[in-house]
Amino acid sequence: MFRIESGTRTILECRGPDARRFLNGQVTQDVGMVADGDLTLPACVTDAKGRLQFRVWITALSPECFLIDAPADPDGTLESRLTRYLIADDVEFTDHSGDWRIIHFTNDAGPAPNGVLVRRSTRFSASGVDWWIPRGFVPTADLPGAALEGDALEDYRIRHGIPIEDRELIDGVLPPEAGLDASDISYSKGCYIGQEVISRIKSAGKVNQRLVRMTLDAGVEPASMEMIDAAGRSAGHITSLSPLAHDGLRHLLAYRKRSAEGELMVCGADGERHPLHLAD
């Protein structure tokens, strides 16, 4: 079992009698699934064209109070986006960034200390748990699990296909392109901003590109992150390349174009073309 510090996060509290209904109209996930307080789920905040604006995680403190955590957002753009549509709803937003330390465990971490909020989550792909530790709380015993950080954490993220902001989750990407349709989107709940486009994508069954996990021989240093097919045509681009090797291979994440055909390759610093392989 690994222990992963989530680092600095923006944490917003959405509280009020209309909190659940309001959030359901803003995010792709069914907020009702976390209302019982046992589960934390990921969700996307999209624009009217269905394009990703933020990926967030939603945790319930009560049926009328939810925590929304996301990567650090010092400019407050997430809160501005959510409250832009707050008109007649009985809802209040409060910024609690810095009030919690979020630690994820990739398996059952056992009983948590009193005062620590525990929720099941797949924050790092594997089924595990989050511990929400209040600011100023000092555990009286060592935290369970082996700390996963630095290059080892980046390698773990890539091998498990976890997209992150500024790499895979960039402006303009559609959630299904990043593989978030299986984890972040409810297709059975009511409407939300961007829902019509997301539903059409599901019905059509295709997107222009798709995030895939691939491997590359560890001895190859790419000259660029562009991928090509056998005919030399652009086939997509690599977004993340692991700093570590396993069995002579480095894992990577890449957006593969729907039009790409046959074997994909990357040009190495040696001037040669090197094959890429889909990861198991």
C-alpha atoms as a PDB file:
ATOM      1  CA  MET A   1       0.000   0.000   0.000  1.00  0.00           C
ATOM      2  CA  PHE A   2       1.228   3.462  -0.916  1.00  0.00           C
ATOM      3  CA  ARG A   3       0.587   6.790   0.785  1.00  0.00           C
ATOM      4  CA  ILE A   4       0.244   9.779  -1.540  1.00  0.00           C
ATOM      5  CA  GLU A   5       0.105  13.388  -0.433  1.00  0.00           C
ATOM      6  CA  SER A   6      -2.273  15.349  -2.630  1.00  0.00           C
ATOM      7  CA  GLY A   7      -0.319  18.577  -2.116  1.00  0.00           C
ATOM      8  CA  THR A   8      -1.773  22.060  -2.204  1.00  0.00           C
ATOM      9  CA  ARG A   9      -5.419  21.935  -3.216  1.00  0.00           C
ATOM     10  CA  THR A  10      -8.191  24.455  -3.706  1.00  0.00           C
ATOM     11  CA  ILE A  11     -11.050  23.350  -1.450  1.00  0.00           C
ATOM     12  CA  LEU A  12     -14.479  24.966  -1.740  1.00  0.00           C
ATOM     13  CA  GLU A  13     -17.451  24.268   0.506  1.00  0.00           C
ATOM     14  CA  CYS A  14     -20.890  24.380  -1.109  1.00  0.00           C
ATOM     15  CA  ARG A  15     -23.542  24.504   1.589  1.00  0.00           C
ATOM     16  CA  GLY A  16     -27.301  25.022   1.649  1.00  0.00           C
ATOM     17  CA  PRO A  17     -30.690  23.393   1.043  1.00  0.00           C
ATOM     18  CA  ASP A  18     -30.157  23.637  -2.731  1.00  0.00           C
ATOM     19  CA  ALA A  19     -26.479  22.554  -2.720  1.00  0.00           C
ATOM     20  CA  ARG A  20     -27.024  19.101  -4.184  1.00  0.00           C
ATOM     21  CA  ARG A  21     -29.379  20.282  -6.923  1.00  0.00           C
ATOM     22  CA  PHE A  22     -27.155  23.243  -7.784  1.00  0.00           C
ATOM     23  CA  LEU A  23     -23.972  21.174  -8.050  1.00  0.00           C
ATOM     24  CA  ASN A  24     -25.750  18.580 -10.169  1.00  0.00           C
ATOM     25  CA  GLY A  25     -26.410  21.346 -12.671  1.00  0.00           C
ATOM     26  CA  GLN A  26     -22.743  22.337 -12.778  1.00  0.00           C
ATOM     27  CA  VAL A  27     -20.762  19.077 -12.945  1.00  0.00           C
ATOM     28  CA  THR A  28     -20.810  15.866 -14.973  1.00  0.00           C
ATOM     29  CA  GLN A  29     -21.077  13.556 -11.953  1.00  0.00           C
ATOM     30  CA  ASP A  30     -24.235  12.559 -10.050  1.00  0.00           C
ATOM     31  CA  VAL A  31     -23.673  14.392  -6.775  1.00  0.00           C
ATOM     32  CA  GLY A  32     -26.308  12.232  -5.108  1.00  0.00           C
ATOM     33  CA  MET A  33     -23.867   9.297  -5.193  1.00  0.00           C
ATOM     34  CA  VAL A  34     -21.676  10.982  -2.566  1.00  0.00           C
ATOM     35  CA  ALA A  35     -24.473  12.454  -0.444  1.00  0.00           C
ATOM     36  CA  ASP A  36     -24.449   9.541   2.032  1.00  0.00           C
ATOM     37  CA  GLY A  37     -20.908  10.484   3.018  1.00  0.00           C
ATOM     38  CA  ASP A  38     -18.957   7.282   2.323  1.00  0.00           C
ATOM     39  CA  LEU A  39     -17.553   8.092  -1.102  1.00  0.00           C
ATOM     40  CA  THR A  40     -15.534  10.771  -2.896  1.00  0.00           C
ATOM     41  CA  LEU A  41     -16.019  10.952  -6.667  1.00  0.00           C
ATOM     42  CA  PRO A  42     -14.333  12.797  -9.529  1.00  0.00           C
ATOM     43  CA  ALA A  43     -16.305  15.118 -11.787  1.00  0.00           C
ATOM     44  CA  CYS A  44     -15.702  17.494 -14.667  1.00  0.00           C
ATOM     45  CA  VAL A  45     -16.747  21.110 -14.927  1.00  0.00           C
ATOM     46  CA  THR A  46     -17.330  21.804 -18.623  1.00  0.00           C
ATOM     47  CA  ASP A  47     -18.329  24.741 -20.772  1.00  0.00           C
ATOM     48  CA  ALA A  48     -21.402  24.878 -22.992  1.00  0.00           C
ATOM     49  CA  LYS A  49     -19.484  23.053 -25.737  1.00  0.00           C
ATOM     50  CA  GLY A  50     -18.639  20.164 -23.394  1.00  0.00           C
ATOM     51  CA  ARG A  51     -14.968  21.081 -23.153  1.00  0.00           C
ATOM     52  CA  LEU A  52     -13.139  20.533 -19.901  1.00  0.00           C
ATOM     53  CA  GLN A  53     -12.620  23.545 -17.673  1.00  0.00           C
ATOM     54  CA  PHE A  54     -11.770  21.825 -14.363  1.00  0.00           C
ATOM     55  CA  ARG A  55     -11.491  18.316 -12.996  1.00  0.00           C
ATOM     56  CA  VAL A  56     -12.659  18.229  -9.379  1.00  0.00           C
ATOM     57  CA  TRP A  57     -13.388  15.762  -6.587  1.00  0.00           C
ATOM     58  CA  ILE A  58     -16.624  15.972  -4.613  1.00  0.00           C
ATOM     59  CA  THR A  59     -17.003  14.914  -0.978  1.00  0.00           C
ATOM     60  CA  ALA A  60     -20.113  15.242   1.182  1.00  0.00           C
ATOM     61  CA  LEU A  61     -19.994  16.434   4.771  1.00  0.00           C
ATOM     62  CA  SER A  62     -23.793  16.174   4.965  1.00  0.00           C
ATOM     63  CA  PRO A  63     -26.664  15.943   2.451  1.00  0.00           C
ATOM     64  CA  GLU A  64     -26.595  19.754   2.286  1.00  0.00           C
ATOM     65  CA  CYS A  65     -22.849  20.367   2.452  1.00  0.00           C
ATOM     66  CA  PHE A  66     -20.222  19.346  -0.089  1.00  0.00           C
ATOM     67  CA  LEU A  67     -16.493  19.878  -0.429  1.00  0.00           C
ATOM     68  CA  ILE A  68     -15.083  20.424  -3.924  1.00  0.00           C
ATOM     69  CA  ASP A  69     -11.325  19.969  -4.209  1.00  0.00           C
ATOM     70  CA  ALA A  70      -9.165  20.689  -7.232  1.00  0.00           C
ATOM     71  CA  PRO A  71      -5.551  21.563  -8.063  1.00  0.00           C
ATOM     72  CA  ALA A  72      -4.377  24.858  -6.580  1.00  0.00           C
ATOM     73  CA  ASP A  73      -6.317  27.728  -8.137  1.00  0.00           C
ATOM     74  CA  PRO A  74      -4.877  30.947  -6.686  1.00  0.00           C
ATOM     75  CA  ASP A  75      -6.870  33.151  -9.070  1.00  0.00           C
ATOM     76  CA  GLY A  76     -10.198  31.727  -7.880  1.00  0.00           C
ATOM     77  CA  THR A  77     -11.334  30.814 -11.391  1.00  0.00           C
ATOM     78  CA  LEU A  78     -13.087  27.619 -10.243  1.00  0.00           C
ATOM     79  CA  GLU A  79     -15.170  29.447  -7.657  1.00  0.00           C
ATOM     80  CA  SER A  80     -15.965  32.182 -10.180  1.00  0.00           C
ATOM     81  CA  ARG A  81     -17.086  29.603 -12.735  1.00  0.00           C
ATOM     82  CA  LEU A  82     -19.376  27.828 -10.264  1.00  0.00           C
ATOM     83  CA  THR A  83     -20.889  30.925  -8.659  1.00  0.00           C
ATOM     84  CA  ARG A  84     -21.507  32.553 -12.047  1.00  0.00           C
ATOM     85  CA  TYR A  85     -24.667  30.464 -12.288  1.00  0.00           C
ATOM     86  CA  LEU A  86     -25.721  30.995  -8.672  1.00  0.00           C
ATOM     87  CA  ILE A  87     -28.861  33.145  -8.935  1.00  0.00           C
ATOM     88  CA  ALA A  88     -31.870  32.186  -6.828  1.00  0.00           C
ATOM     89  CA  ASP A  89     -30.424  29.039  -5.246  1.00  0.00           C
ATOM     90  CA  ASP A  90     -30.155  28.832  -1.465  1.00  0.00           C
ATOM     91  CA  VAL A  91     -26.444  27.991  -1.561  1.00  0.00           C
ATOM     92  CA  GLU A  92     -23.343  29.540  -0.037  1.00  0.00           C
ATOM     93  CA  PHE A  93     -19.740  28.988  -1.104  1.00  0.00           C
ATOM     94  CA  THR A  94     -16.807  29.201   1.324  1.00  0.00           C
ATOM     95  CA  ASP A  95     -13.116  28.807   0.489  1.00  0.00           C
ATOM     96  CA  HIS A  96     -11.480  26.250   2.819  1.00  0.00           C
ATOM     97  CA  SER A  97      -8.176  25.950   0.962  1.00  0.00           C
ATOM     98  CA  GLY A  98      -5.469  25.283   3.524  1.00  0.00           C
ATOM     99  CA  ASP A  99      -7.912  23.959   6.123  1.00  0.00           C
ATOM    100  CA  TRP A 100      -7.392  20.322   5.134  1.00  0.00           C
ATOM    101  CA  ARG A 101      -4.501  18.036   4.268  1.00  0.00           C
ATOM    102  CA  ILE A 102      -5.640  15.287   1.889  1.00  0.00           C
ATOM    103  CA  ILE A 103      -3.733  11.991   1.874  1.00  0.00           C
ATOM    104  CA  HIS A 104      -4.688   9.102  -0.387  1.00  0.00           C
ATOM    105  CA  PHE A 105      -3.944   5.462   0.429  1.00  0.00           C
ATOM    106  CA  THR A 106      -4.005   2.951  -2.428  1.00  0.00           C
ATOM    107  CA  ASN A 107      -5.634   0.310  -0.237  1.00  0.00           C
ATOM    108  CA  ASP A 108      -7.486   0.036   3.048  1.00  0.00           C
ATOM    109  CA  ALA A 109      -5.417   2.056   5.510  1.00  0.00           C
ATOM    110  CA  GLY A 110      -7.132   0.703   8.611  1.00  0.00           C
ATOM    111  CA  PRO A 111      -8.812   2.815  11.295  1.00  0.00           C
ATOM    112  CA  ALA A 112      -8.105   6.539  11.049  1.00  0.00           C
ATOM    113  CA  PRO A 113      -7.361   8.710  14.092  1.00  0.00           C
ATOM    114  CA  ASN A 114     -10.329  10.440  15.686  1.00  0.00           C
ATOM    115  CA  GLY A 115     -11.031  13.720  13.941  1.00  0.00           C
ATOM    116  CA  VAL A 116      -9.883  12.523  10.513  1.00  0.00           C
ATOM    117  CA  LEU A 117     -12.486  12.407   7.738  1.00  0.00           C
ATOM    118  CA  VAL A 118     -12.330   9.134   5.747  1.00  0.00           C
ATOM    119  CA  ARG A 119     -13.805   8.562   2.285  1.00  0.00           C
ATOM    120  CA  ARG A 120     -13.446   5.753  -0.262  1.00  0.00           C
ATOM    121  CA  SER A 121     -11.996   7.003  -3.553  1.00  0.00           C
ATOM    122  CA  THR A 122     -10.088   6.079  -6.705  1.00  0.00           C
ATOM    123  CA  ARG A 123      -8.091   9.314  -6.657  1.00  0.00           C
ATOM    124  CA  PHE A 124      -5.008   7.460  -7.920  1.00  0.00           C
ATOM    125  CA  SER A 125      -6.789   4.808  -9.999  1.00  0.00           C
ATOM    126  CA  ALA A 126      -6.673   1.922  -7.518  1.00  0.00           C
ATOM    127  CA  SER A 127      -9.566   1.565  -5.086  1.00  0.00           C
ATOM    128  CA  GLY A 128      -8.375   3.194  -1.885  1.00  0.00           C
ATOM    129  CA  VAL A 129      -9.266   5.773   0.720  1.00  0.00           C
ATOM    130  CA  ASP A 130      -8.726   9.468   1.329  1.00  0.00           C
ATOM    131  CA  TRP A 131      -7.911  10.845   4.748  1.00  0.00           C
ATOM    132  CA  TRP A 132      -8.934  14.449   5.242  1.00  0.00           C
ATOM    133  CA  ILE A 133      -6.772  15.734   8.096  1.00  0.00           C
ATOM    134  CA  PRO A 134      -7.857  19.074   9.613  1.00  0.00           C
ATOM    135  CA  ARG A 135      -5.322  21.875   9.772  1.00  0.00           C
ATOM    136  CA  GLY A 136      -3.332  21.755  12.997  1.00  0.00           C
ATOM    137  CA  PHE A 137      -4.156  18.097  13.632  1.00  0.00           C
ATOM    138  CA  VAL A 138      -1.029  16.112  14.541  1.00  0.00           C
ATOM    139  CA  PRO A 139      -1.375  12.284  14.343  1.00  0.00           C
ATOM    140  CA  THR A 140      -0.022  10.547  17.421  1.00  0.00           C
ATOM    141  CA  ALA A 141       1.321   7.605  15.376  1.00  0.00           C
ATOM    142  CA  ASP A 142       3.145   7.198  12.068  1.00  0.00           C
ATOM    143  CA  LEU A 143       0.912   7.278   9.011  1.00  0.00           C
ATOM    144  CA  PRO A 144       0.436   3.857   7.370  1.00  0.00           C
ATOM    145  CA  GLY A 145       1.833   2.925   3.971  1.00  0.00           C
ATOM    146  CA  ALA A 146       5.012   3.748   2.090  1.00  0.00           C
ATOM    147  CA  ALA A 147       5.272   7.315   0.872  1.00  0.00           C
ATOM    148  CA  LEU A 148       5.082   7.589  -2.933  1.00  0.00           C
ATOM    149  CA  GLU A 149       6.617  10.788  -4.299  1.00  0.00           C
ATOM    150  CA  GLY A 150       8.924  12.315  -6.889  1.00  0.00           C
ATOM    151  CA  ASP A 151       9.838  10.205  -9.932  1.00  0.00           C
ATOM    152  CA  ALA A 152       8.231   7.116  -8.398  1.00  0.00           C
ATOM    153  CA  LEU A 153       4.887   8.930  -8.117  1.00  0.00           C
ATOM    154  CA  GLU A 154       5.111  10.255 -11.672  1.00  0.00           C
ATOM    155  CA  ASP A 155       5.887   6.751 -12.947  1.00  0.00           C
ATOM    156  CA  TYR A 156       2.954   5.328 -10.955  1.00  0.00           C
ATOM    157  CA  ARG A 157       0.611   7.982 -12.363  1.00  0.00           C
ATOM    158  CA  ILE A 158       1.609   7.302 -15.947  1.00  0.00           C
ATOM    159  CA  ARG A 159       1.509   3.495 -15.654  1.00  0.00           C
ATOM    160  CA  HIS A 160      -2.003   3.751 -14.191  1.00  0.00           C
ATOM    161  CA  GLY A 161      -3.205   6.152 -16.883  1.00  0.00           C
ATOM    162  CA  ILE A 162      -4.022   9.052 -14.555  1.00  0.00           C
ATOM    163  CA  PRO A 163      -4.330  12.344 -16.478  1.00  0.00           C
ATOM    164  CA  ILE A 164      -3.332  15.595 -14.803  1.00  0.00           C
ATOM    165  CA  GLU A 165      -3.696  19.300 -15.484  1.00  0.00           C
ATOM    166  CA  ASP A 166      -1.226  20.971 -17.859  1.00  0.00           C
ATOM    167  CA  ARG A 167      -0.292  17.587 -19.331  1.00  0.00           C
ATOM    168  CA  GLU A 168      -3.334  15.594 -20.435  1.00  0.00           C
ATOM    169  CA  LEU A 169      -6.080  17.864 -19.078  1.00  0.00           C
ATOM    170  CA  ILE A 170      -5.487  20.960 -21.145  1.00  0.00           C
ATOM    171  CA  ASP A 171      -7.810  23.711 -22.333  1.00  0.00           C
ATOM    172  CA  GLY A 172     -10.210  22.529 -25.000  1.00  0.00           C
ATOM    173  CA  VAL A 173      -9.975  18.786 -24.378  1.00  0.00           C
ATOM    174  CA  LEU A 174     -13.238  16.862 -24.199  1.00  0.00           C
ATOM    175  CA  PRO A 175     -13.580  14.627 -21.098  1.00  0.00           C
ATOM    176  CA  PRO A 176     -14.165  11.444 -23.167  1.00  0.00           C
ATOM    177  CA  GLU A 177     -10.947  12.140 -25.099  1.00  0.00           C
ATOM    178  CA  ALA A 178      -9.060  11.989 -21.789  1.00  0.00           C
ATOM    179  CA  GLY A 179     -10.813   8.747 -20.804  1.00  0.00           C
ATOM    180  CA  LEU A 180     -12.850  10.445 -18.088  1.00  0.00           C
ATOM    181  CA  ASP A 181     -16.170   9.174 -19.409  1.00  0.00           C
ATOM    182  CA  ALA A 182     -15.833   5.954 -17.387  1.00  0.00           C
ATOM    183  CA  SER A 183     -15.114   7.640 -14.050  1.00  0.00           C
ATOM    184  CA  ASP A 184     -16.298  11.248 -14.044  1.00  0.00           C
ATOM    185  CA  ILE A 185     -19.540  11.307 -16.018  1.00  0.00           C
ATOM    186  CA  SER A 186     -23.064  10.198 -15.178  1.00  0.00           C
ATOM    187  CA  TYR A 187     -25.181   9.628 -18.278  1.00  0.00           C
ATOM    188  CA  SER A 188     -28.367   9.018 -16.303  1.00  0.00           C
ATOM    189  CA  LYS A 189     -28.703  12.165 -14.192  1.00  0.00           C
ATOM    190  CA  GLY A 190     -30.285  15.478 -15.161  1.00  0.00           C
ATOM    191  CA  CYS A 191     -28.919  18.289 -17.262  1.00  0.00           C
ATOM    192  CA  TYR A 192     -25.720  20.215 -16.603  1.00  0.00           C
ATOM    193  CA  ILE A 193     -23.726  22.736 -18.582  1.00  0.00           C
ATOM    194  CA  GLY A 194     -22.215  20.911 -21.561  1.00  0.00           C
ATOM    195  CA  GLN A 195     -24.407  17.826 -21.089  1.00  0.00           C
ATOM    196  CA  GLU A 196     -25.911  17.902 -24.575  1.00  0.00           C
ATOM    197  CA  VAL A 197     -22.511  17.727 -26.265  1.00  0.00           C
ATOM    198  CA  ILE A 198     -21.198  15.011 -23.912  1.00  0.00           C
ATOM    199  CA  SER A 199     -24.319  12.912 -24.573  1.00  0.00           C
ATOM    200  CA  ARG A 200     -23.941  13.302 -28.343  1.00  0.00           C
ATOM    201  CA  ILE A 201     -20.356  12.081 -28.108  1.00  0.00           C
ATOM    202  CA  LYS A 202     -21.541   8.965 -26.271  1.00  0.00           C
ATOM    203  CA  SER A 203     -24.210   8.329 -28.889  1.00  0.00           C
ATOM    204  CA  ALA A 204     -21.759   8.781 -31.763  1.00  0.00           C
ATOM    205  CA  GLY A 205     -19.234   6.516 -30.038  1.00  0.00           C
ATOM    206  CA  LYS A 206     -16.175   8.356 -31.285  1.00  0.00           C
ATOM    207  CA  VAL A 207     -13.902  11.301 -30.598  1.00  0.00           C
ATOM    208  CA  ASN A 208     -11.136  12.874 -32.680  1.00  0.00           C
ATOM    209  CA  GLN A 209      -8.442  11.661 -30.300  1.00  0.00           C
ATOM    210  CA  ARG A 210      -8.181   9.301 -27.362  1.00  0.00           C
ATOM    211  CA  LEU A 211      -5.727   9.142 -24.457  1.00  0.00           C
ATOM    212  CA  VAL A 212      -3.818   5.850 -24.491  1.00  0.00           C
ATOM    213  CA  ARG A 213      -1.090   4.184 -22.430  1.00  0.00           C
ATOM    214  CA  MET A 214       1.919   3.077 -24.440  1.00  0.00           C
ATOM    215  CA  THR A 215       5.508   1.926 -23.957  1.00  0.00           C
ATOM    216  CA  LEU A 216       8.814   2.856 -25.552  1.00  0.00           C
ATOM    217  CA  ASP A 217      12.205   1.150 -25.360  1.00  0.00           C
ATOM    218  CA  ALA A 218      14.004   2.652 -22.381  1.00  0.00           C
ATOM    219  CA  GLY A 219      17.109   3.470 -24.440  1.00  0.00           C
ATOM    220  CA  VAL A 220      15.218   5.778 -26.799  1.00  0.00           C
ATOM    221  CA  GLU A 221      15.194   9.508 -26.184  1.00  0.00           C
ATOM    222  CA  PRO A 222      12.448  11.132 -28.316  1.00  0.00           C
ATOM    223  CA  ALA A 223      13.510  14.062 -30.448  1.00  0.00           C
ATOM    224  CA  SER A 224       9.972  15.431 -30.050  1.00  0.00           C
ATOM    225  CA  MET A 225       6.675  14.384 -28.517  1.00  0.00           C
ATOM    226  CA  GLU A 226       4.942  14.015 -31.888  1.00  0.00           C
ATOM    227  CA  MET A 227       3.903  10.526 -32.978  1.00  0.00           C
ATOM    228  CA  ILE A 228       3.806   9.354 -36.589  1.00  0.00           C
ATOM    229  CA  ASP A 229       2.334   6.372 -38.377  1.00  0.00           C
ATOM    230  CA  ALA A 230       3.988   4.074 -40.921  1.00  0.00           C
ATOM    231  CA  ALA A 231       3.353   6.602 -43.699  1.00  0.00           C
ATOM    232  CA  GLY A 232       5.043   9.350 -41.723  1.00  0.00           C
ATOM    233  CA  ARG A 233       1.793  11.195 -41.009  1.00  0.00           C
ATOM    234  CA  SER A 234       1.082  12.873 -37.693  1.00  0.00           C
ATOM    235  CA  ALA A 235      -0.668  10.354 -35.438  1.00  0.00           C
ATOM    236  CA  GLY A 236      -0.927  12.311 -32.192  1.00  0.00           C
ATOM    237  CA  HIS A 237       1.376  13.456 -29.432  1.00  0.00           C
ATOM    238  CA  ILE A 238       2.949  12.215 -26.213  1.00  0.00           C
ATOM    239  CA  THR A 239       1.824  14.102 -23.123  1.00  0.00           C
ATOM    240  CA  SER A 240       3.806  12.354 -20.355  1.00  0.00           C
ATOM    241  CA  LEU A 241       6.857  10.081 -20.443  1.00  0.00           C
ATOM    242  CA  SER A 242       7.878   8.172 -17.325  1.00  0.00           C
ATOM    243  CA  PRO A 243      11.274   9.045 -15.864  1.00  0.00           C
ATOM    244  CA  LEU A 244      11.702   5.392 -14.822  1.00  0.00           C
ATOM    245  CA  ALA A 245      12.042   2.136 -16.755  1.00  0.00           C
ATOM    246  CA  HIS A 246      10.522  -1.304 -16.103  1.00  0.00           C
ATOM    247  CA  ASP A 247      11.846  -4.393 -17.876  1.00  0.00           C
ATOM    248  CA  GLY A 248      13.594  -2.213 -20.440  1.00  0.00           C
ATOM    249  CA  LEU A 249      10.512  -0.102 -21.182  1.00  0.00           C
ATOM    250  CA  ARG A 250       9.330   3.387 -20.281  1.00  0.00           C
ATOM    251  CA  HIS A 251       5.595   3.963 -20.030  1.00  0.00           C
ATOM    252  CA  LEU A 252       3.931   7.008 -21.506  1.00  0.00           C
ATOM    253  CA  LEU A 253       0.585   8.678 -22.044  1.00  0.00           C
ATOM    254  CA  ALA A 254      -0.343  10.008 -25.459  1.00  0.00           C
ATOM    255  CA  TYR A 255      -3.287  11.343 -27.411  1.00  0.00           C
ATOM    256  CA  ARG A 256      -3.735   9.092 -30.432  1.00  0.00           C
ATOM    257  CA  LYS A 257      -5.648  10.570 -33.361  1.00  0.00           C
ATOM    258  CA  ARG A 258      -8.701   8.660 -34.545  1.00  0.00           C
ATOM    259  CA  SER A 259      -7.278   8.776 -38.085  1.00  0.00           C
ATOM    260  CA  ALA A 260      -4.013   7.077 -37.027  1.00  0.00           C
ATOM    261  CA  GLU A 261      -3.521   3.685 -38.640  1.00  0.00           C
ATOM    262  CA  GLY A 262      -1.140   0.809 -38.051  1.00  0.00           C
ATOM    263  CA  GLU A 263       2.020   0.930 -35.982  1.00  0.00           C
ATOM    264  CA  LEU A 264       2.889   4.210 -34.319  1.00  0.00           C
ATOM    265  CA  MET A 265       6.416   5.504 -33.954  1.00  0.00           C
ATOM    266  CA  VAL A 266       8.396   8.358 -32.534  1.00  0.00           C
ATOM    267  CA  CYS A 267      11.525   9.949 -33.950  1.00  0.00           C
ATOM    268  CA  GLY A 268      14.479   9.511 -31.643  1.00  0.00           C
ATOM    269  CA  ALA A 269      17.358  11.858 -30.966  1.00  0.00           C
ATOM    270  CA  ASP A 270      19.440   9.384 -33.018  1.00  0.00           C
ATOM    271  CA  GLY A 271      17.421  10.273 -36.124  1.00  0.00           C
ATOM    272  CA  GLU A 272      15.766   6.860 -36.311  1.00  0.00           C
ATOM    273  CA  ARG A 273      12.102   5.931 -35.993  1.00  0.00           C
ATOM    274  CA  HIS A 274      11.269   3.823 -32.948  1.00  0.00           C
ATOM    275  CA  PRO A 275       8.057   1.816 -32.418  1.00  0.00           C
ATOM    276  CA  LEU A 276       5.511   2.510 -29.728  1.00  0.00           C
ATOM    277  CA  HIS A 277       3.370  -0.268 -28.254  1.00  0.00           C
ATOM    278  CA  LEU A 278       0.038  -0.178 -26.445  1.00  0.00           C
ATOM    279  CA  ALA A 279       0.545  -0.988 -22.783  1.00  0.00           C
ATOM    280  CA  ASP A 280      -1.077  -4.076 -21.288  1.00  0.00           C
END
